[in-house]
Amino acid sequence: MKFSSCAVGASWKGKGYTPSAGDFIFFDWNKDGQVDHVGIVVNVANGRVNTIEGNTSNMVARRSYQLGGIVIVGYGYI
C-alpha cells in the first residue's frame, strides 16, 4: 500500500477488524471525522494493539491502545 497522507491511505478495514503485525493503524485524535495520524501495528495482545509511530512528541515511539478504542478509525493492510 502506498499513500501520501492519512486521508488518502485510508482504504482499510474498520475498527472492528483485528489487525496483524505490519498493518497500518489510522487515528482521529480530534474525533472530527478526519484521519490525522497513522502508525504500524507491531502485535495484538491482551485486548490491546501495540504500535510503532513516528511524529510522537518529535520521535518514534511504541504506543498501545485498547482494541476498538475511540481514536482508532481503522486499519490498512497490504
PDB file of N, CA and C in Angstrom:
ATOM      1  N   MET A   1       0.849  -1.159   0.000  1.00  0.00           N
ATOM      2  CA  MET A   1       0.000   0.000   0.000  1.00  0.00           C
ATOM      3  C   MET A   1       0.901   1.229   0.000  1.00  0.00           C
ATOM      4  N   LYS A   2       0.646   2.170  -0.913  1.00  0.00           N
ATOM      5  CA  LYS A   2       1.377   3.431  -0.964  1.00  0.00           C
ATOM      6  C   LYS A   2       0.381   4.560  -0.762  1.00  0.00           C
ATOM      7  N   PHE A   3       0.776   5.564   0.004  1.00  0.00           N
ATOM      8  CA  PHE A   3      -0.073   6.732   0.158  1.00  0.00           C
ATOM      9  C   PHE A   3       0.761   7.896   0.647  1.00  0.00           C
ATOM     10  N   SER A   4       0.241   9.104   0.420  1.00  0.00           N
ATOM     11  CA  SER A   4       0.990  10.299   0.780  1.00  0.00           C
ATOM     12  C   SER A   4       0.357  11.077   1.924  1.00  0.00           C
ATOM     13  N   SER A   5      -0.800  10.685   2.365  1.00  0.00           N
ATOM     14  CA  SER A   5      -1.426  11.322   3.520  1.00  0.00           C
ATOM     15  C   SER A   5      -2.354  10.318   4.179  1.00  0.00           C
ATOM     16  N   CYS A   6      -2.700  10.568   5.418  1.00  0.00           N
ATOM     17  CA  CYS A   6      -3.589   9.646   6.135  1.00  0.00           C
ATOM     18  C   CYS A   6      -4.920   9.479   5.417  1.00  0.00           C
ATOM     19  N   ALA A   7      -5.489  10.582   4.950  1.00  0.00           N
ATOM     20  CA  ALA A   7      -6.792  10.507   4.294  1.00  0.00           C
ATOM     21  C   ALA A   7      -6.733   9.686   3.010  1.00  0.00           C
ATOM     22  N   VAL A   8      -5.645   9.805   2.252  1.00  0.00           N
ATOM     23  CA  VAL A   8      -5.503   9.061   1.003  1.00  0.00           C
ATOM     24  C   VAL A   8      -5.226   7.589   1.287  1.00  0.00           C
ATOM     25  N   GLY A   9      -4.489   7.298   2.343  1.00  0.00           N
ATOM     26  CA  GLY A   9      -4.125   5.919   2.662  1.00  0.00           C
ATOM     27  C   GLY A   9      -5.232   5.137   3.313  1.00  0.00           C
ATOM     28  N   ALA A  10      -6.346   5.781   3.568  1.00  0.00           N
ATOM     29  CA  ALA A  10      -7.389   5.130   4.331  1.00  0.00           C
ATOM     30  C   ALA A  10      -8.282   4.241   3.479  1.00  0.00           C
ATOM     31  N   SER A  11      -7.704   3.261   2.774  1.00  0.00           N
ATOM     32  CA  SER A  11      -8.535   2.201   2.220  1.00  0.00           C
ATOM     33  C   SER A  11      -8.237   0.989   3.073  1.00  0.00           C
ATOM     34  N   TRP A  12      -9.185   0.568   3.827  1.00  0.00           N
ATOM     35  CA  TRP A  12      -8.915  -0.196   5.006  1.00  0.00           C
ATOM     36  C   TRP A  12     -10.061  -1.035   5.501  1.00  0.00           C
ATOM     37  N   LYS A  13      -9.800  -1.693   6.586  1.00  0.00           N
ATOM     38  CA  LYS A  13     -10.812  -2.418   7.347  1.00  0.00           C
ATOM     39  C   LYS A  13     -11.232  -1.506   8.494  1.00  0.00           C
ATOM     40  N   GLY A  14     -12.460  -1.626   8.926  1.00  0.00           N
ATOM     41  CA  GLY A  14     -12.966  -0.802  10.021  1.00  0.00           C
ATOM     42  C   GLY A  14     -12.372  -1.183  11.368  1.00  0.00           C
ATOM     43  N   LYS A  15     -12.731  -0.434  12.385  1.00  0.00           N
ATOM     44  CA  LYS A  15     -12.142  -0.630  13.697  1.00  0.00           C
ATOM     45  C   LYS A  15     -12.517  -1.957  14.336  1.00  0.00           C
ATOM     46  N   GLY A  16     -13.507  -2.681  13.803  1.00  0.00           N
ATOM     47  CA  GLY A  16     -13.874  -3.987  14.318  1.00  0.00           C
ATOM     48  C   GLY A  16     -12.932  -5.106  13.880  1.00  0.00           C
ATOM     49  N   TYR A  17     -12.075  -4.823  12.911  1.00  0.00           N
ATOM     50  CA  TYR A  17     -11.091  -5.778  12.399  1.00  0.00           C
ATOM     51  C   TYR A  17      -9.989  -5.974  13.437  1.00  0.00           C
ATOM     52  N   THR A  18      -9.521  -7.216  13.603  1.00  0.00           N
ATOM     53  CA  THR A  18      -8.361  -7.459  14.467  1.00  0.00           C
ATOM     54  C   THR A  18      -7.124  -7.431  13.588  1.00  0.00           C
ATOM     55  N   PRO A  19      -6.249  -6.428  13.779  1.00  0.00           N
ATOM     56  CA  PRO A  19      -5.111  -6.249  12.878  1.00  0.00           C
ATOM     57  C   PRO A  19      -4.011  -7.280  13.114  1.00  0.00           C
ATOM     58  N   SER A  20      -3.135  -7.366  12.123  1.00  0.00           N
ATOM     59  CA  SER A  20      -1.955  -8.227  12.183  1.00  0.00           C
ATOM     60  C   SER A  20      -0.705  -7.358  12.164  1.00  0.00           C
ATOM     61  N   ALA A  21       0.401  -7.933  12.586  1.00  0.00           N
ATOM     62  CA  ALA A  21       1.683  -7.217  12.539  1.00  0.00           C
ATOM     63  C   ALA A  21       1.932  -6.718  11.122  1.00  0.00           C
ATOM     64  N   GLY A  22       2.334  -5.460  11.012  1.00  0.00           N
ATOM     65  CA  GLY A  22       2.621  -4.854   9.717  1.00  0.00           C
ATOM     66  C   GLY A  22       1.461  -4.068   9.138  1.00  0.00           C
ATOM     67  N   ASP A  23       0.249  -4.239   9.664  1.00  0.00           N
ATOM     68  CA  ASP A  23      -0.885  -3.432   9.200  1.00  0.00           C
ATOM     69  C   ASP A  23      -0.680  -1.984   9.638  1.00  0.00           C
ATOM     70  N   PHE A  24      -1.303  -1.070   8.916  1.00  0.00           N
ATOM     71  CA  PHE A  24      -1.327   0.333   9.317  1.00  0.00           C
ATOM     72  C   PHE A  24      -2.509   0.549  10.248  1.00  0.00           C
ATOM     73  N   ILE A  25      -2.366   1.453  11.184  1.00  0.00           N
ATOM     74  CA  ILE A  25      -3.465   1.834  12.073  1.00  0.00           C
ATOM     75  C   ILE A  25      -3.699   3.329  11.887  1.00  0.00           C
ATOM     76  N   PHE A  26      -4.951   3.718  11.656  1.00  0.00           N
ATOM     77  CA  PHE A  26      -5.307   5.103  11.410  1.00  0.00           C
ATOM     78  C   PHE A  26      -6.075   5.674  12.602  1.00  0.00           C
ATOM     79  N   PHE A  27      -5.756   6.919  12.944  1.00  0.00           N
ATOM     80  CA  PHE A  27      -6.328   7.570  14.120  1.00  0.00           C
ATOM     81  C   PHE A  27      -7.037   8.877  13.761  1.00  0.00           C
ATOM     82  N   ASP A  28      -8.006   9.231  14.588  1.00  0.00           N
ATOM     83  CA  ASP A  28      -8.677  10.531  14.537  1.00  0.00           C
ATOM     84  C   ASP A  28      -8.582  11.123  15.939  1.00  0.00           C
ATOM     85  N   TRP A  29      -7.494  11.833  16.224  1.00  0.00           N
ATOM     86  CA  TRP A  29      -7.259  12.377  17.566  1.00  0.00           C
ATOM     87  C   TRP A  29      -8.339  13.363  17.986  1.00  0.00           C
ATOM     88  N   ASN A  30      -8.808  14.194  17.057  1.00  0.00           N
ATOM     89  CA  ASN A  30      -9.773  15.251  17.391  1.00  0.00           C
ATOM     90  C   ASN A  30     -11.218  14.780  17.383  1.00  0.00           C
ATOM     91  N   LYS A  31     -11.425  13.549  16.938  1.00  0.00           N
ATOM     92  CA  LYS A  31     -12.775  12.977  16.818  1.00  0.00           C
ATOM     93  C   LYS A  31     -13.670  13.868  15.954  1.00  0.00           C
ATOM     94  N   ASP A  32     -13.076  14.371  14.842  1.00  0.00           N
ATOM     95  CA  ASP A  32     -13.814  15.244  13.931  1.00  0.00           C
ATOM     96  C   ASP A  32     -14.109  14.585  12.593  1.00  0.00           C
ATOM     97  N   GLY A  33     -13.885  13.269  12.500  1.00  0.00           N
ATOM     98  CA  GLY A  33     -14.157  12.547  11.256  1.00  0.00           C
ATOM     99  C   GLY A  33     -13.014  12.578  10.263  1.00  0.00           C
ATOM    100  N   GLN A  34     -11.903  13.230  10.602  1.00  0.00           N
ATOM    101  CA  GLN A  34     -10.747  13.329   9.716  1.00  0.00           C
ATOM    102  C   GLN A  34      -9.612  12.453  10.245  1.00  0.00           C
ATOM    103  N   VAL A  35      -9.094  11.586   9.400  1.00  0.00           N
ATOM    104  CA  VAL A  35      -7.943  10.770   9.791  1.00  0.00           C
ATOM    105  C   VAL A  35      -6.726  11.685   9.837  1.00  0.00           C
ATOM    106  N   ASP A  36      -6.017  11.702  10.975  1.00  0.00           N
ATOM    107  CA  ASP A  36      -4.906  12.637  11.083  1.00  0.00           C
ATOM    108  C   ASP A  36      -3.618  12.035  11.638  1.00  0.00           C
ATOM    109  N   HIS A  37      -3.549  10.712  11.767  1.00  0.00           N
ATOM    110  CA  HIS A  37      -2.297  10.085  12.215  1.00  0.00           C
ATOM    111  C   HIS A  37      -2.312   8.629  11.784  1.00  0.00           C
ATOM    112  N   VAL A  38      -1.129   8.088  11.578  1.00  0.00           N
ATOM    113  CA  VAL A  38      -1.003   6.687  11.182  1.00  0.00           C
ATOM    114  C   VAL A  38       0.176   6.066  11.928  1.00  0.00           C
ATOM    115  N   GLY A  39       0.067   4.791  12.223  1.00  0.00           N
ATOM    116  CA  GLY A  39       1.155   4.036  12.846  1.00  0.00           C
ATOM    117  C   GLY A  39       1.231   2.661  12.192  1.00  0.00           C
ATOM    118  N   ILE A  40       2.138   1.849  12.688  1.00  0.00           N
ATOM    119  CA  ILE A  40       2.294   0.477  12.198  1.00  0.00           C
ATOM    120  C   ILE A  40       2.037  -0.465  13.364  1.00  0.00           C
ATOM    121  N   VAL A  41       1.202  -1.462  13.126  1.00  0.00           N
ATOM    122  CA  VAL A  41       0.872  -2.444  14.161  1.00  0.00           C
ATOM    123  C   VAL A  41       2.062  -3.384  14.364  1.00  0.00           C
ATOM    124  N   VAL A  42       2.463  -3.537  15.627  1.00  0.00           N
ATOM    125  CA  VAL A  42       3.519  -4.494  15.994  1.00  0.00           C
ATOM    126  C   VAL A  42       2.881  -5.833  16.326  1.00  0.00           C
ATOM    127  N   ASN A  43       1.839  -5.793  17.170  1.00  0.00           N
ATOM    128  CA  ASN A  43       1.107  -7.013  17.501  1.00  0.00           C
ATOM    129  C   ASN A  43      -0.163  -6.640  18.240  1.00  0.00           C
ATOM    130  N   VAL A  44      -0.974  -7.667  18.507  1.00  0.00           N
ATOM    131  CA  VAL A  44      -2.165  -7.523  19.326  1.00  0.00           C
ATOM    132  C   VAL A  44      -2.032  -8.530  20.464  1.00  0.00           C
ATOM    133  N   ALA A  45      -2.181  -8.062  21.693  1.00  0.00           N
ATOM    134  CA  ALA A  45      -2.074  -8.944  22.857  1.00  0.00           C
ATOM    135  C   ALA A  45      -2.952  -8.415  23.986  1.00  0.00           C
ATOM    136  N   ASN A  46      -3.656  -9.311  24.642  1.00  0.00           N
ATOM    137  CA  ASN A  46      -4.464  -8.956  25.813  1.00  0.00           C
ATOM    138  C   ASN A  46      -5.439  -7.816  25.544  1.00  0.00           C
ATOM    139  N   GLY A  47      -6.072  -7.836  24.362  1.00  0.00           N
ATOM    140  CA  GLY A  47      -7.067  -6.821  24.035  1.00  0.00           C
ATOM    141  C   GLY A  47      -6.505  -5.463  23.684  1.00  0.00           C
ATOM    142  N   ARG A  48      -5.197  -5.402  23.432  1.00  0.00           N
ATOM    143  CA  ARG A  48      -4.547  -4.135  23.087  1.00  0.00           C
ATOM    144  C   ARG A  48      -3.801  -4.286  21.765  1.00  0.00           C
ATOM    145  N   VAL A  49      -3.776  -3.200  21.009  1.00  0.00           N
ATOM    146  CA  VAL A  49      -2.983  -3.165  19.779  1.00  0.00           C
ATOM    147  C   VAL A  49      -1.740  -2.333  20.081  1.00  0.00           C
ATOM    148  N   ASN A  50      -0.587  -2.923  19.849  1.00  0.00           N
ATOM    149  CA  ASN A  50       0.698  -2.283  20.120  1.00  0.00           C
ATOM    150  C   ASN A  50       1.281  -1.791  18.805  1.00  0.00           C
ATOM    151  N   THR A  51       1.788  -0.574  18.812  1.00  0.00           N
ATOM    152  CA  THR A  51       2.200   0.098  17.582  1.00  0.00           C
ATOM    153  C   THR A  51       3.587   0.710  17.698  1.00  0.00           C
ATOM    154  N   ILE A  52       4.102   1.087  16.521  1.00  0.00           N
ATOM    155  CA  ILE A  52       5.262   1.977  16.409  1.00  0.00           C
ATOM    156  C   ILE A  52       4.762   3.157  15.591  1.00  0.00           C
ATOM    157  N   GLU A  53       5.017   4.364  16.089  1.00  0.00           N
ATOM    158  CA  GLU A  53       4.532   5.570  15.424  1.00  0.00           C
ATOM    159  C   GLU A  53       5.615   6.629  15.379  1.00  0.00           C
ATOM    160  N   GLY A  54       5.694   7.303  14.255  1.00  0.00           N
ATOM    161  CA  GLY A  54       6.572   8.458  14.135  1.00  0.00           C
ATOM    162  C   GLY A  54       5.806   9.705  14.523  1.00  0.00           C
ATOM    163  N   ASN A  55       6.514  10.816  14.604  1.00  0.00           N
ATOM    164  CA  ASN A  55       5.906  12.108  14.913  1.00  0.00           C
ATOM    165  C   ASN A  55       5.116  12.061  16.219  1.00  0.00           C
ATOM    166  N   THR A  56       5.667  11.358  17.197  1.00  0.00           N
ATOM    167  CA  THR A  56       5.068  11.265  18.521  1.00  0.00           C
ATOM    168  C   THR A  56       5.993  12.002  19.480  1.00  0.00           C
ATOM    169  N   SER A  57       5.629  13.204  19.836  1.00  0.00           N
ATOM    170  CA  SER A  57       6.494  14.076  20.645  1.00  0.00           C
ATOM    171  C   SER A  57       7.875  14.212  19.996  1.00  0.00           C
ATOM    172  N   ASN A  58       7.876  14.395  18.675  1.00  0.00           N
ATOM    173  CA  ASN A  58       9.087  14.582  17.871  1.00  0.00           C
ATOM    174  C   ASN A  58      10.039  13.388  17.912  1.00  0.00           C
ATOM    175  N   MET A  59       9.487  12.194  18.039  1.00  0.00           N
ATOM    176  CA  MET A  59      10.318  10.993  17.990  1.00  0.00           C
ATOM    177  C   MET A  59       9.482   9.799  17.524  1.00  0.00           C
ATOM    178  N   VAL A  60      10.153   8.707  17.286  1.00  0.00           N
ATOM    179  CA  VAL A  60       9.488   7.441  17.003  1.00  0.00           C
ATOM    180  C   VAL A  60       9.272   6.762  18.348  1.00  0.00           C
ATOM    181  N   ALA A  61       8.058   6.251  18.569  1.00  0.00           N
ATOM    182  CA  ALA A  61       7.751   5.674  19.876  1.00  0.00           C
ATOM    183  C   ALA A  61       6.828   4.468  19.742  1.00  0.00           C
ATOM    184  N   ARG A  62       6.926   3.577  20.708  1.00  0.00           N
ATOM    185  CA  ARG A  62       5.978   2.476  20.839  1.00  0.00           C
ATOM    186  C   ARG A  62       4.787   3.000  21.629  1.00  0.00           C
ATOM    187  N   ARG A  63       3.587   2.618  21.190  1.00  0.00           N
ATOM    188  CA  ARG A  63       2.363   3.025  21.877  1.00  0.00           C
ATOM    189  C   ARG A  63       1.442   1.813  21.973  1.00  0.00           C
ATOM    190  N   SER A  64       0.432   1.904  22.797  1.00  0.00           N
ATOM    191  CA  SER A  64      -0.507   0.803  22.993  1.00  0.00           C
ATOM    192  C   SER A  64      -1.909   1.370  23.172  1.00  0.00           C
ATOM    193  N   TYR A  65      -2.904   0.736  22.543  1.00  0.00           N
ATOM    194  CA  TYR A  65      -4.289   1.202  22.583  1.00  0.00           C
ATOM    195  C   TYR A  65      -5.211   0.008  22.789  1.00  0.00           C
ATOM    196  N   GLN A  66      -6.329   0.242  23.434  1.00  0.00           N
ATOM    197  CA  GLN A  66      -7.339  -0.796  23.565  1.00  0.00           C
ATOM    198  C   GLN A  66      -7.950  -1.040  22.190  1.00  0.00           C
ATOM    199  N   LEU A  67      -8.114  -2.313  21.809  1.00  0.00           N
ATOM    200  CA  LEU A  67      -8.775  -2.629  20.538  1.00  0.00           C
ATOM    201  C   LEU A  67     -10.145  -1.964  20.518  1.00  0.00           C
ATOM    202  N   GLY A  68     -10.489  -1.349  19.399  1.00  0.00           N
ATOM    203  CA  GLY A  68     -11.776  -0.671  19.271  1.00  0.00           C
ATOM    204  C   GLY A  68     -11.836   0.671  19.973  1.00  0.00           C
ATOM    205  N   GLY A  69     -10.671   1.177  20.427  1.00  0.00           N
ATOM    206  CA  GLY A  69     -10.625   2.467  21.117  1.00  0.00           C
ATOM    207  C   GLY A  69     -11.211   3.595  20.273  1.00  0.00           C
ATOM    208  N   ILE A  70     -11.719   4.607  20.942  1.00  0.00           N
ATOM    209  CA  ILE A  70     -12.444   5.691  20.276  1.00  0.00           C
ATOM    210  C   ILE A  70     -11.601   6.462  19.259  1.00  0.00           C
ATOM    211  N   VAL A  71     -10.290   6.579  19.448  1.00  0.00           N
ATOM    212  CA  VAL A  71      -9.463   7.338  18.499  1.00  0.00           C
ATOM    213  C   VAL A  71      -9.034   6.503  17.291  1.00  0.00           C
ATOM    214  N   ILE A  72      -9.256   5.187  17.332  1.00  0.00           N
ATOM    215  CA  ILE A  72      -8.902   4.324  16.201  1.00  0.00           C
ATOM    216  C   ILE A  72     -10.019   4.377  15.174  1.00  0.00           C
ATOM    217  N   VAL A  73      -9.636   4.719  13.937  1.00  0.00           N
ATOM    218  CA  VAL A  73     -10.615   4.782  12.854  1.00  0.00           C
ATOM    219  C   VAL A  73     -10.680   3.455  12.130  1.00  0.00           C
ATOM    220  N   GLY A  74      -9.523   2.826  11.901  1.00  0.00           N
ATOM    221  CA  GLY A  74      -9.479   1.558  11.194  1.00  0.00           C
ATOM    222  C   GLY A  74      -8.056   1.168  10.876  1.00  0.00           C
ATOM    223  N   TYR A  75      -7.929   0.159  10.023  1.00  0.00           N
ATOM    224  CA  TYR A  75      -6.624  -0.437   9.722  1.00  0.00           C
ATOM    225  C   TYR A  75      -6.451  -0.608   8.225  1.00  0.00           C
ATOM    226  N   GLY A  76      -5.246  -0.312   7.748  1.00  0.00           N
ATOM    227  CA  GLY A  76      -4.889  -0.584   6.365  1.00  0.00           C
ATOM    228  C   GLY A  76      -4.003  -1.813   6.332  1.00  0.00           C
ATOM    229  N   TYR A  77      -4.074  -2.546   5.272  1.00  0.00           N
ATOM    230  CA  TYR A  77      -3.264  -3.749   5.178  1.00  0.00           C
ATOM    231  C   TYR A  77      -2.738  -3.907   3.772  1.00  0.00           C
ATOM    232  N   ILE A  78      -1.670  -4.657   3.663  1.00  0.00           N
ATOM    233  CA  ILE A  78      -1.038  -4.859   2.351  1.00  0.00           C
ATOM    234  C   ILE A  78      -1.479  -6.179   1.790  1.00  0.00           C
TER     235      ILE A  78
END
